[in-house]
PDB file of N, CA and C in Angstrom:
ATOM      1  N   MET A   1       0.852  -1.182   0.000  1.00  0.00           N
ATOM      2  CA  MET A   1       0.000   0.000   0.000  1.00  0.00           C
ATOM      3  C   MET A   1       0.889   1.233   0.000  1.00  0.00           C
ATOM      4  N   ASN A   2       0.442   2.247  -0.720  1.00  0.00           N
ATOM      5  CA  ASN A   2       1.180   3.496  -0.814  1.00  0.00           C
ATOM      6  C   ASN A   2       0.444   4.614  -0.089  1.00  0.00           C
ATOM      7  N   THR A   3       1.196   5.648   0.270  1.00  0.00           N
ATOM      8  CA  THR A   3       0.621   6.811   0.936  1.00  0.00           C
ATOM      9  C   THR A   3       0.359   7.894  -0.114  1.00  0.00           C
ATOM     10  N   TYR A   4      -0.820   8.488  -0.055  1.00  0.00           N
ATOM     11  CA  TYR A   4      -1.223   9.501  -1.028  1.00  0.00           C
ATOM     12  C   TYR A   4      -1.706  10.756  -0.312  1.00  0.00           C
ATOM     13  N   GLU A   5      -1.685  11.846  -1.061  1.00  0.00           N
ATOM     14  CA  GLU A   5      -2.211  13.121  -0.595  1.00  0.00           C
ATOM     15  C   GLU A   5      -3.216  13.579  -1.648  1.00  0.00           C
ATOM     16  N   GLY A   6      -4.420  13.860  -1.219  1.00  0.00           N
ATOM     17  CA  GLY A   6      -5.461  14.306  -2.135  1.00  0.00           C
ATOM     18  C   GLY A   6      -5.944  15.693  -1.781  1.00  0.00           C
ATOM     19  N   VAL A   7      -6.041  16.560  -2.791  1.00  0.00           N
ATOM     20  CA  VAL A   7      -6.580  17.904  -2.601  1.00  0.00           C
ATOM     21  C   VAL A   7      -7.867  17.981  -3.413  1.00  0.00           C
ATOM     22  N   PHE A   8      -8.929  18.385  -2.753  1.00  0.00           N
ATOM     23  CA  PHE A   8     -10.245  18.467  -3.366  1.00  0.00           C
ATOM     24  C   PHE A   8     -10.726  19.906  -3.321  1.00  0.00           C
ATOM     25  N   ILE A   9     -11.216  20.402  -4.446  1.00  0.00           N
ATOM     26  CA  ILE A   9     -11.811  21.740  -4.487  1.00  0.00           C
ATOM     27  C   ILE A   9     -13.310  21.550  -4.651  1.00  0.00           C
ATOM     28  N   ALA A  10     -14.053  22.018  -3.655  1.00  0.00           N
ATOM     29  CA  ALA A  10     -15.516  21.878  -3.671  1.00  0.00           C
ATOM     30  C   ALA A  10     -16.149  23.209  -4.076  1.00  0.00           C
ATOM     31  N   LYS A  11     -17.402  23.149  -4.459  1.00  0.00           N
ATOM     32  CA  LYS A  11     -18.130  24.365  -4.838  1.00  0.00           C
ATOM     33  C   LYS A  11     -18.145  25.351  -3.674  1.00  0.00           C
ATOM     34  N   PRO A  12     -18.018  26.645  -3.950  1.00  0.00           N
ATOM     35  CA  PRO A  12     -17.943  27.635  -2.875  1.00  0.00           C
ATOM     36  C   PRO A  12     -19.261  27.876  -2.143  1.00  0.00           C
ATOM     37  N   ASN A  13     -20.369  27.467  -2.728  1.00  0.00           N
ATOM     38  CA  ASN A  13     -21.667  27.735  -2.104  1.00  0.00           C
ATOM     39  C   ASN A  13     -22.127  26.628  -1.155  1.00  0.00           C
ATOM     40  N   LEU A  14     -21.260  25.679  -0.814  1.00  0.00           N
ATOM     41  CA  LEU A  14     -21.624  24.615   0.121  1.00  0.00           C
ATOM     42  C   LEU A  14     -21.736  25.163   1.541  1.00  0.00           C
ATOM     43  N   THR A  15     -22.752  24.727   2.251  1.00  0.00           N
ATOM     44  CA  THR A  15     -22.878  25.086   3.664  1.00  0.00           C
ATOM     45  C   THR A  15     -21.917  24.224   4.479  1.00  0.00           C
ATOM     46  N   ASP A  16     -21.761  24.558   5.759  1.00  0.00           N
ATOM     47  CA  ASP A  16     -20.875  23.775   6.617  1.00  0.00           C
ATOM     48  C   ASP A  16     -21.337  22.321   6.711  1.00  0.00           C
ATOM     49  N   ASP A  17     -22.653  22.120   6.832  1.00  0.00           N
ATOM     50  CA  ASP A  17     -23.189  20.754   6.920  1.00  0.00           C
ATOM     51  C   ASP A  17     -22.958  19.990   5.618  1.00  0.00           C
ATOM     52  N   ALA A  18     -23.160  20.659   4.485  1.00  0.00           N
ATOM     53  CA  ALA A  18     -22.942  20.003   3.195  1.00  0.00           C
ATOM     54  C   ALA A  18     -21.462  19.692   2.998  1.00  0.00           C
ATOM     55  N   GLY A  19     -20.584  20.562   3.481  1.00  0.00           N
ATOM     56  CA  GLY A  19     -19.148  20.317   3.402  1.00  0.00           C
ATOM     57  C   GLY A  19     -18.734  19.125   4.229  1.00  0.00           C
ATOM     58  N   LYS A  20     -19.313  18.999   5.429  1.00  0.00           N
ATOM     59  CA  LYS A  20     -19.007  17.843   6.285  1.00  0.00           C
ATOM     60  C   LYS A  20     -19.518  16.549   5.651  1.00  0.00           C
ATOM     61  N   LYS A  21     -20.691  16.637   5.028  1.00  0.00           N
ATOM     62  CA  LYS A  21     -21.265  15.469   4.359  1.00  0.00           C
ATOM     63  C   LYS A  21     -20.393  15.060   3.172  1.00  0.00           C
ATOM     64  N   LEU A  22     -19.914  16.030   2.415  1.00  0.00           N
ATOM     65  CA  LEU A  22     -19.042  15.750   1.276  1.00  0.00           C
ATOM     66  C   LEU A  22     -17.738  15.109   1.738  1.00  0.00           C
ATOM     67  N   LEU A  23     -17.165  15.641   2.805  1.00  0.00           N
ATOM     68  CA  LEU A  23     -15.927  15.088   3.354  1.00  0.00           C
ATOM     69  C   LEU A  23     -16.142  13.654   3.837  1.00  0.00           C
ATOM     70  N   ALA A  24     -17.292  13.396   4.435  1.00  0.00           N
ATOM     71  CA  ALA A  24     -17.622  12.033   4.880  1.00  0.00           C
ATOM     72  C   ALA A  24     -17.743  11.083   3.687  1.00  0.00           C
ATOM     73  N   GLN A  25     -18.312  11.568   2.577  1.00  0.00           N
ATOM     74  CA  GLN A  25     -18.438  10.746   1.373  1.00  0.00           C
ATOM     75  C   GLN A  25     -17.060  10.426   0.792  1.00  0.00           C
ATOM     76  N   ILE A  26     -16.170  11.416   0.792  1.00  0.00           N
ATOM     77  CA  ILE A  26     -14.817  11.210   0.280  1.00  0.00           C
ATOM     78  C   ILE A  26     -14.103  10.157   1.116  1.00  0.00           C
ATOM     79  N   GLU A  27     -14.185  10.292   2.439  1.00  0.00           N
ATOM     80  CA  GLU A  27     -13.544   9.328   3.338  1.00  0.00           C
ATOM     81  C   GLU A  27     -14.157   7.935   3.186  1.00  0.00           C
ATOM     82  N   GLN A  28     -15.472   7.879   3.012  1.00  0.00           N
ATOM     83  CA  GLN A  28     -16.167   6.600   2.881  1.00  0.00           C
ATOM     84  C   GLN A  28     -15.687   5.844   1.636  1.00  0.00           C
ATOM     85  N   GLU A  29     -15.473   6.552   0.537  1.00  0.00           N
ATOM     86  CA  GLU A  29     -14.997   5.897  -0.682  1.00  0.00           C
ATOM     87  C   GLU A  29     -13.601   5.313  -0.484  1.00  0.00           C
ATOM     88  N   ILE A  30     -12.771   6.015   0.270  1.00  0.00           N
ATOM     89  CA  ILE A  30     -11.423   5.510   0.537  1.00  0.00           C
ATOM     90  C   ILE A  30     -11.489   4.240   1.371  1.00  0.00           C
ATOM     91  N   THR A  31     -12.268   4.274   2.438  1.00  0.00           N
ATOM     92  CA  THR A  31     -12.358   3.096   3.314  1.00  0.00           C
ATOM     93  C   THR A  31     -13.071   1.933   2.616  1.00  0.00           C
ATOM     94  N   LYS A  32     -14.032   2.238   1.753  1.00  0.00           N
ATOM     95  CA  LYS A  32     -14.740   1.195   1.019  1.00  0.00           C
ATOM     96  C   LYS A  32     -13.798   0.450   0.067  1.00  0.00           C
ATOM     97  N   ASN A  33     -12.762   1.130  -0.395  1.00  0.00           N
ATOM     98  CA  ASN A  33     -11.774   0.520  -1.289  1.00  0.00           C
ATOM     99  C   ASN A  33     -10.547   0.018  -0.518  1.00  0.00           C
ATOM    100  N   ASN A  34     -10.762  -0.369   0.728  1.00  0.00           N
ATOM    101  CA  ASN A  34      -9.730  -0.940   1.602  1.00  0.00           C
ATOM    102  C   ASN A  34      -8.575   0.018   1.884  1.00  0.00           C
ATOM    103  N   GLY A  35      -8.873   1.297   1.939  1.00  0.00           N
ATOM    104  CA  GLY A  35      -7.863   2.293   2.271  1.00  0.00           C
ATOM    105  C   GLY A  35      -8.048   2.789   3.695  1.00  0.00           C
ATOM    106  N   LYS A  36      -7.127   3.639   4.126  1.00  0.00           N
ATOM    107  CA  LYS A  36      -7.184   4.188   5.478  1.00  0.00           C
ATOM    108  C   LYS A  36      -6.873   5.675   5.413  1.00  0.00           C
ATOM    109  N   VAL A  37      -7.744   6.500   5.993  1.00  0.00           N
ATOM    110  CA  VAL A  37      -7.535   7.944   6.034  1.00  0.00           C
ATOM    111  C   VAL A  37      -6.643   8.261   7.222  1.00  0.00           C
ATOM    112  N   ASP A  38      -5.520   8.932   6.950  1.00  0.00           N
ATOM    113  CA  ASP A  38      -4.551   9.252   7.996  1.00  0.00           C
ATOM    114  C   ASP A  38      -4.724  10.668   8.547  1.00  0.00           C
ATOM    115  N   GLY A  39      -5.237  11.578   7.742  1.00  0.00           N
ATOM    116  CA  GLY A  39      -5.410  12.947   8.207  1.00  0.00           C
ATOM    117  C   GLY A  39      -6.310  13.736   7.274  1.00  0.00           C
ATOM    118  N   VAL A  40      -7.030  14.706   7.850  1.00  0.00           N
ATOM    119  CA  VAL A  40      -7.949  15.551   7.077  1.00  0.00           C
ATOM    120  C   VAL A  40      -7.714  16.998   7.479  1.00  0.00           C
ATOM    121  N   GLU A  41      -7.615  17.883   6.494  1.00  0.00           N
ATOM    122  CA  GLU A  41      -7.470  19.311   6.758  1.00  0.00           C
ATOM    123  C   GLU A  41      -8.474  20.080   5.913  1.00  0.00           C
ATOM    124  N   ASN A  42      -9.112  21.044   6.519  1.00  0.00           N
ATOM    125  CA  ASN A  42      -9.996  21.950   5.797  1.00  0.00           C
ATOM    126  C   ASN A  42      -9.234  23.257   5.614  1.00  0.00           C
ATOM    127  N   TRP A  43      -8.844  23.538   4.382  1.00  0.00           N
ATOM    128  CA  TRP A  43      -8.084  24.753   4.099  1.00  0.00           C
ATOM    129  C   TRP A  43      -8.989  25.966   3.910  1.00  0.00           C
ATOM    130  N   GLY A  44     -10.280  25.756   3.864  1.00  0.00           N
ATOM    131  CA  GLY A  44     -11.231  26.851   3.748  1.00  0.00           C
ATOM    132  C   GLY A  44     -11.413  27.348   2.322  1.00  0.00           C
ATOM    133  N   ARG A  45     -12.079  28.489   2.245  1.00  0.00           N
ATOM    134  CA  ARG A  45     -12.405  29.072   0.941  1.00  0.00           C
ATOM    135  C   ARG A  45     -11.213  29.861   0.416  1.00  0.00           C
ATOM    136  N   ARG A  46     -10.836  29.589  -0.832  1.00  0.00           N
ATOM    137  CA  ARG A  46      -9.699  30.247  -1.469  1.00  0.00           C
ATOM    138  C   ARG A  46     -10.024  30.553  -2.922  1.00  0.00           C
ATOM    139  N   ALA A  47      -9.307  31.527  -3.463  1.00  0.00           N
ATOM    140  CA  ALA A  47      -9.463  31.875  -4.869  1.00  0.00           C
ATOM    141  C   ALA A  47      -8.825  30.790  -5.737  1.00  0.00           C
ATOM    142  N   ILE A  48      -9.417  30.563  -6.903  1.00  0.00           N
ATOM    143  CA  ILE A  48      -8.891  29.607  -7.868  1.00  0.00           C
ATOM    144  C   ILE A  48      -8.157  30.413  -8.945  1.00  0.00           C
ATOM    145  N   ALA A  49      -7.076  29.882  -9.479  1.00  0.00           N
ATOM    146  CA  ALA A  49      -6.268  30.597 -10.470  1.00  0.00           C
ATOM    147  C   ALA A  49      -7.067  30.936 -11.728  1.00  0.00           C
ATOM    148  N   TYR A  50      -7.989  30.080 -12.118  1.00  0.00           N
ATOM    149  CA  TYR A  50      -8.831  30.315 -13.285  1.00  0.00           C
ATOM    150  C   TYR A  50     -10.214  29.758 -12.985  1.00  0.00           C
ATOM    151  N   PRO A  51     -11.255  30.328 -13.565  1.00  0.00           N
ATOM    152  CA  PRO A  51     -12.618  29.860 -13.269  1.00  0.00           C
ATOM    153  C   PRO A  51     -12.833  28.396 -13.671  1.00  0.00           C
ATOM    154  N   ILE A  52     -13.505  27.668 -12.791  1.00  0.00           N
ATOM    155  CA  ILE A  52     -13.887  26.284 -13.057  1.00  0.00           C
ATOM    156  C   ILE A  52     -15.400  26.226 -12.953  1.00  0.00           C
ATOM    157  N   LYS A  53     -16.041  25.902 -14.050  1.00  0.00           N
ATOM    158  CA  LYS A  53     -17.506  25.859 -14.113  1.00  0.00           C
ATOM    159  C   LYS A  53     -18.107  27.152 -13.574  1.00  0.00           C
ATOM    160  N   LYS A  54     -17.528  28.274 -14.000  1.00  0.00           N
ATOM    161  CA  LYS A  54     -17.954  29.640 -13.654  1.00  0.00           C
ATOM    162  C   LYS A  54     -17.749  29.989 -12.182  1.00  0.00           C
ATOM    163  N   ASN A  55     -16.963  29.220 -11.459  1.00  0.00           N
ATOM    164  CA  ASN A  55     -16.639  29.509 -10.061  1.00  0.00           C
ATOM    165  C   ASN A  55     -15.238  30.108  -9.992  1.00  0.00           C
ATOM    166  N   LYS A  56     -15.105  31.228  -9.294  1.00  0.00           N
ATOM    167  CA  LYS A  56     -13.804  31.887  -9.166  1.00  0.00           C
ATOM    168  C   LYS A  56     -13.095  31.528  -7.866  1.00  0.00           C
ATOM    169  N   ASP A  57     -13.790  30.837  -6.976  1.00  0.00           N
ATOM    170  CA  ASP A  57     -13.170  30.353  -5.743  1.00  0.00           C
ATOM    171  C   ASP A  57     -13.822  29.033  -5.357  1.00  0.00           C
ATOM    172  N   GLY A  58     -13.224  28.374  -4.365  1.00  0.00           N
ATOM    173  CA  GLY A  58     -13.731  27.079  -3.946  1.00  0.00           C
ATOM    174  C   GLY A  58     -13.287  26.768  -2.527  1.00  0.00           C
ATOM    175  N   ILE A  59     -13.844  25.725  -1.977  1.00  0.00           N
ATOM    176  CA  ILE A  59     -13.486  25.281  -0.626  1.00  0.00           C
ATOM    177  C   ILE A  59     -12.506  24.123  -0.795  1.00  0.00           C
ATOM    178  N   TYR A  60     -11.334  24.268  -0.196  1.00  0.00           N
ATOM    179  CA  TYR A  60     -10.260  23.290  -0.343  1.00  0.00           C
ATOM    180  C   TYR A  60     -10.223  22.328   0.847  1.00  0.00           C
ATOM    181  N   TYR A  61     -10.061  21.043   0.533  1.00  0.00           N
ATOM    182  CA  TYR A  61      -9.880  19.999   1.542  1.00  0.00           C
ATOM    183  C   TYR A  61      -8.642  19.188   1.166  1.00  0.00           C
ATOM    184  N   LYS A  62      -7.843  18.815   2.157  1.00  0.00           N
ATOM    185  CA  LYS A  62      -6.660  17.981   1.926  1.00  0.00           C
ATOM    186  C   LYS A  62      -6.775  16.727   2.780  1.00  0.00           C
ATOM    187  N   LEU A  63      -6.582  15.577   2.158  1.00  0.00           N
ATOM    188  CA  LEU A  63      -6.629  14.305   2.864  1.00  0.00           C
ATOM    189  C   LEU A  63      -5.335  13.544   2.636  1.00  0.00           C
ATOM    190  N   ASP A  64      -4.811  12.969   3.698  1.00  0.00           N
ATOM    191  CA  ASP A  64      -3.692  12.034   3.614  1.00  0.00           C
ATOM    192  C   ASP A  64      -4.274  10.655   3.827  1.00  0.00           C
ATOM    193  N   PHE A  65      -3.953   9.719   2.929  1.00  0.00           N
ATOM    194  CA  PHE A  65      -4.517   8.384   3.066  1.00  0.00           C
ATOM    195  C   PHE A  65      -3.582   7.333   2.489  1.00  0.00           C
ATOM    196  N   THR A  66      -3.846   6.094   2.865  1.00  0.00           N
ATOM    197  CA  THR A  66      -3.078   4.948   2.400  1.00  0.00           C
ATOM    198  C   THR A  66      -4.033   4.011   1.671  1.00  0.00           C
ATOM    199  N   ILE A  67      -3.620   3.566   0.473  1.00  0.00           N
ATOM    200  CA  ILE A  67      -4.483   2.702  -0.339  1.00  0.00           C
ATOM    201  C   ILE A  67      -3.621   1.980  -1.375  1.00  0.00           C
ATOM    202  N   GLU A  68      -4.168   0.920  -1.941  1.00  0.00           N
ATOM    203  CA  GLU A  68      -3.480   0.193  -3.010  1.00  0.00           C
ATOM    204  C   GLU A  68      -3.410   1.074  -4.258  1.00  0.00           C
ATOM    205  N   PRO A  69      -2.303   1.049  -4.994  1.00  0.00           N
ATOM    206  CA  PRO A  69      -2.147   1.894  -6.181  1.00  0.00           C
ATOM    207  C   PRO A  69      -3.235   1.685  -7.240  1.00  0.00           C
ATOM    208  N   ALA A  70      -3.710   0.473  -7.406  1.00  0.00           N
ATOM    209  CA  ALA A  70      -4.725   0.190  -8.428  1.00  0.00           C
ATOM    210  C   ALA A  70      -6.062   0.865  -8.116  1.00  0.00           C
ATOM    211  N   LYS A  71      -6.324   1.162  -6.867  1.00  0.00           N
ATOM    212  CA  LYS A  71      -7.604   1.751  -6.462  1.00  0.00           C
ATOM    213  C   LYS A  71      -7.666   3.267  -6.691  1.00  0.00           C
ATOM    214  N   VAL A  72      -6.526   3.919  -6.894  1.00  0.00           N
ATOM    215  CA  VAL A  72      -6.496   5.376  -7.040  1.00  0.00           C
ATOM    216  C   VAL A  72      -7.274   5.819  -8.279  1.00  0.00           C
ATOM    217  N   THR A  73      -7.128   5.109  -9.373  1.00  0.00           N
ATOM    218  CA  THR A  73      -7.844   5.445 -10.602  1.00  0.00           C
ATOM    219  C   THR A  73      -9.349   5.343 -10.393  1.00  0.00           C
ATOM    220  N   GLU A  74      -9.783   4.319  -9.680  1.00  0.00           N
ATOM    221  CA  GLU A  74     -11.211   4.161  -9.388  1.00  0.00           C
ATOM    222  C   GLU A  74     -11.726   5.313  -8.539  1.00  0.00           C
ATOM    223  N   LEU A  75     -10.929   5.729  -7.541  1.00  0.00           N
ATOM    224  CA  LEU A  75     -11.329   6.843  -6.687  1.00  0.00           C
ATOM    225  C   LEU A  75     -11.503   8.122  -7.505  1.00  0.00           C
ATOM    226  N   LYS A  76     -10.551   8.398  -8.390  1.00  0.00           N
ATOM    227  CA  LYS A  76     -10.633   9.605  -9.218  1.00  0.00           C
ATOM    228  C   LYS A  76     -11.900   9.616 -10.062  1.00  0.00           C
ATOM    229  N   LYS A  77     -12.257   8.467 -10.630  1.00  0.00           N
ATOM    230  CA  LYS A  77     -13.475   8.372 -11.435  1.00  0.00           C
ATOM    231  C   LYS A  77     -14.707   8.669 -10.600  1.00  0.00           C
ATOM    232  N   ILE A  78     -14.753   8.119  -9.399  1.00  0.00           N
ATOM    233  CA  ILE A  78     -15.904   8.329  -8.511  1.00  0.00           C
ATOM    234  C   ILE A  78     -16.018   9.793  -8.113  1.00  0.00           C
ATOM    235  N   TYR A  79     -14.893  10.414  -7.787  1.00  0.00           N
ATOM    236  CA  TYR A  79     -14.912  11.815  -7.346  1.00  0.00           C
ATOM    237  C   TYR A  79     -15.280  12.761  -8.482  1.00  0.00           C
ATOM    238  N   ARG A  80     -14.925  12.435  -9.716  1.00  0.00           N
ATOM    239  CA  ARG A  80     -15.278  13.292 -10.855  1.00  0.00           C
ATOM    240  C   ARG A  80     -16.785  13.296 -11.112  1.00  0.00           C
ATOM    241  N   LEU A  81     -17.461  12.238 -10.694  1.00  0.00           N
ATOM    242  CA  LEU A  81     -18.914  12.165 -10.892  1.00  0.00           C
ATOM    243  C   LEU A  81     -19.695  12.978  -9.864  1.00  0.00           C
ATOM    244  N   ASN A  82     -19.046  13.355  -8.776  1.00  0.00           N
ATOM    245  CA  ASN A  82     -19.709  14.133  -7.732  1.00  0.00           C
ATOM    246  C   ASN A  82     -19.811  15.591  -8.172  1.00  0.00           C
ATOM    247  N   GLU A  83     -21.022  16.122  -8.228  1.00  0.00           N
ATOM    248  CA  GLU A  83     -21.249  17.479  -8.723  1.00  0.00           C
ATOM    249  C   GLU A  83     -20.724  18.560  -7.781  1.00  0.00           C
ATOM    250  N   ASP A  84     -20.542  18.247  -6.512  1.00  0.00           N
ATOM    251  CA  ASP A  84     -20.054  19.234  -5.554  1.00  0.00           C
ATOM    252  C   ASP A  84     -18.537  19.401  -5.599  1.00  0.00           C
ATOM    253  N   ILE A  85     -17.834  18.486  -6.253  1.00  0.00           N
ATOM    254  CA  ILE A  85     -16.375  18.557  -6.355  1.00  0.00           C
ATOM    255  C   ILE A  85     -16.010  19.167  -7.709  1.00  0.00           C
ATOM    256  N   LEU A  86     -15.278  20.289  -7.668  1.00  0.00           N
ATOM    257  CA  LEU A  86     -14.856  20.944  -8.900  1.00  0.00           C
ATOM    258  C   LEU A  86     -13.591  20.311  -9.476  1.00  0.00           C
ATOM    259  N   ARG A  87     -12.612  20.028  -8.634  1.00  0.00           N
ATOM    260  CA  ARG A  87     -11.337  19.442  -9.072  1.00  0.00           C
ATOM    261  C   ARG A  87     -10.794  18.494  -8.010  1.00  0.00           C
ATOM    262  N   VAL A  88     -10.040  17.499  -8.475  1.00  0.00           N
ATOM    263  CA  VAL A  88      -9.388  16.520  -7.595  1.00  0.00           C
ATOM    264  C   VAL A  88      -7.953  16.352  -8.072  1.00  0.00           C
ATOM    265  N   MET A  89      -7.030  16.365  -7.118  1.00  0.00           N
ATOM    266  CA  MET A  89      -5.639  16.052  -7.443  1.00  0.00           C
ATOM    267  C   MET A  89      -5.131  15.085  -6.377  1.00  0.00           C
ATOM    268  N   ILE A  90      -4.726  13.899  -6.813  1.00  0.00           N
ATOM    269  CA  ILE A  90      -4.194  12.890  -5.898  1.00  0.00           C
ATOM    270  C   ILE A  90      -2.772  12.576  -6.337  1.00  0.00           C
ATOM    271  N   VAL A  91      -1.833  12.739  -5.409  1.00  0.00           N
ATOM    272  CA  VAL A  91      -0.429  12.460  -5.705  1.00  0.00           C
ATOM    273  C   VAL A  91       0.133  11.497  -4.662  1.00  0.00           C
ATOM    274  N   ARG A  92       1.105  10.712  -5.090  1.00  0.00           N
ATOM    275  CA  ARG A  92       1.749   9.760  -4.187  1.00  0.00           C
ATOM    276  C   ARG A  92       2.797  10.499  -3.364  1.00  0.00           C
ATOM    277  N   ARG A  93       2.797  10.238  -2.069  1.00  0.00           N
ATOM    278  CA  ARG A  93       3.786  10.843  -1.180  1.00  0.00           C
ATOM    279  C   ARG A  93       4.969   9.916  -1.063  1.00  0.00           C
ATOM    280  N   LYS A  94       6.135  10.480  -1.122  1.00  0.00           N
ATOM    281  CA  LYS A  94       7.360   9.696  -0.949  1.00  0.00           C
ATOM    282  C   LYS A  94       7.749   9.729   0.517  1.00  0.00           C
ATOM    283  N   LEU A  95       8.384   8.691   0.957  1.00  0.00           N
ATOM    284  CA  LEU A  95       8.841   8.638   2.334  1.00  0.00           C
ATOM    285  C   LEU A  95      10.038   9.566   2.526  1.00  0.00           C
ATOM    286  N   ALA A  96      10.159  10.144   3.688  1.00  0.00           N
ATOM    287  CA  ALA A  96      11.252  11.065   3.971  1.00  0.00           C
ATOM    288  C   ALA A  96      12.611  10.382   3.820  1.00  0.00           C
ATOM    289  N   LYS A  97      12.659   9.081   4.121  1.00  0.00           N
ATOM    290  CA  LYS A  97      13.911   8.340   4.004  1.00  0.00           C
ATOM    291  C   LYS A  97      14.401   8.306   2.562  1.00  0.00           C
ATOM    292  N   SER A  98      13.485   8.120   1.634  1.00  0.00           N
ATOM    293  CA  SER A  98      13.886   8.033   0.242  1.00  0.00           C
ATOM    294  C   SER A  98      14.350   9.370  -0.311  1.00  0.00           C
ATOM    295  N   LEU A  99      13.966  10.461   0.332  1.00  0.00           N
ATOM    296  CA  LEU A  99      14.381  11.786  -0.106  1.00  0.00           C
ATOM    297  C   LEU A  99      15.686  12.222   0.541  1.00  0.00           C
ATOM    298  N   ALA A 100      16.105  11.546   1.593  1.00  0.00           N
ATOM    299  CA  ALA A 100      17.324  11.940   2.290  1.00  0.00           C
ATOM    300  C   ALA A 100      18.550  11.619   1.451  1.00  0.00           C
ATOM    301  N   VAL A 101      19.541  12.471   1.537  1.00  0.00           N
ATOM    302  CA  VAL A 101      20.773  12.292   0.782  1.00  0.00           C
ATOM    303  C   VAL A 101      21.823  11.699   1.717  1.00  0.00           C
ATOM    304  N   ASP A 102      22.442  10.601   1.278  1.00  0.00           N
ATOM    305  CA  ASP A 102      23.497   9.989   2.083  1.00  0.00           C
ATOM    306  C   ASP A 102      24.764  10.819   1.999  1.00  0.00           C
ATOM    307  N   LYS A 103      25.447  10.968   3.143  1.00  0.00           N
ATOM    308  CA  LYS A 103      26.678  11.757   3.158  1.00  0.00           C
ATOM    309  C   LYS A 103      27.862  10.854   3.328  1.00  0.00           C
TER     310      LYS A 103
END
C-alpha cells in the first residue's frame, strides 16, 4: 500500500453541513476501497487561479490516506462524478527516508 495526498476543491456555495457530508463521502470511498484515512485538513475558501464551471473560488480539503495503487484510478473516477467537487488532485507521497541524501 502506498501513501497519497489528495486535494479536493468543492463548490464555494456549500454550507458547513454540506461540506461535512461531502468530506464524509470522500472518506467513505477511501475506506470502502480498503484504504485508510490518515489525516484531514480543511483549508477553507480560497481563490482559484482560473474559473472552473464559472466559479472563481472554492473550498479546499486535503486528505492524507493509504491505499493500493490500483484503487487510485477508481477513486478519481468516482470523485469526478460528484457534482459538488470541482477538481481533484491525488499524488503519491514519498517517504522522507527516500528523499534523504546519504553523506
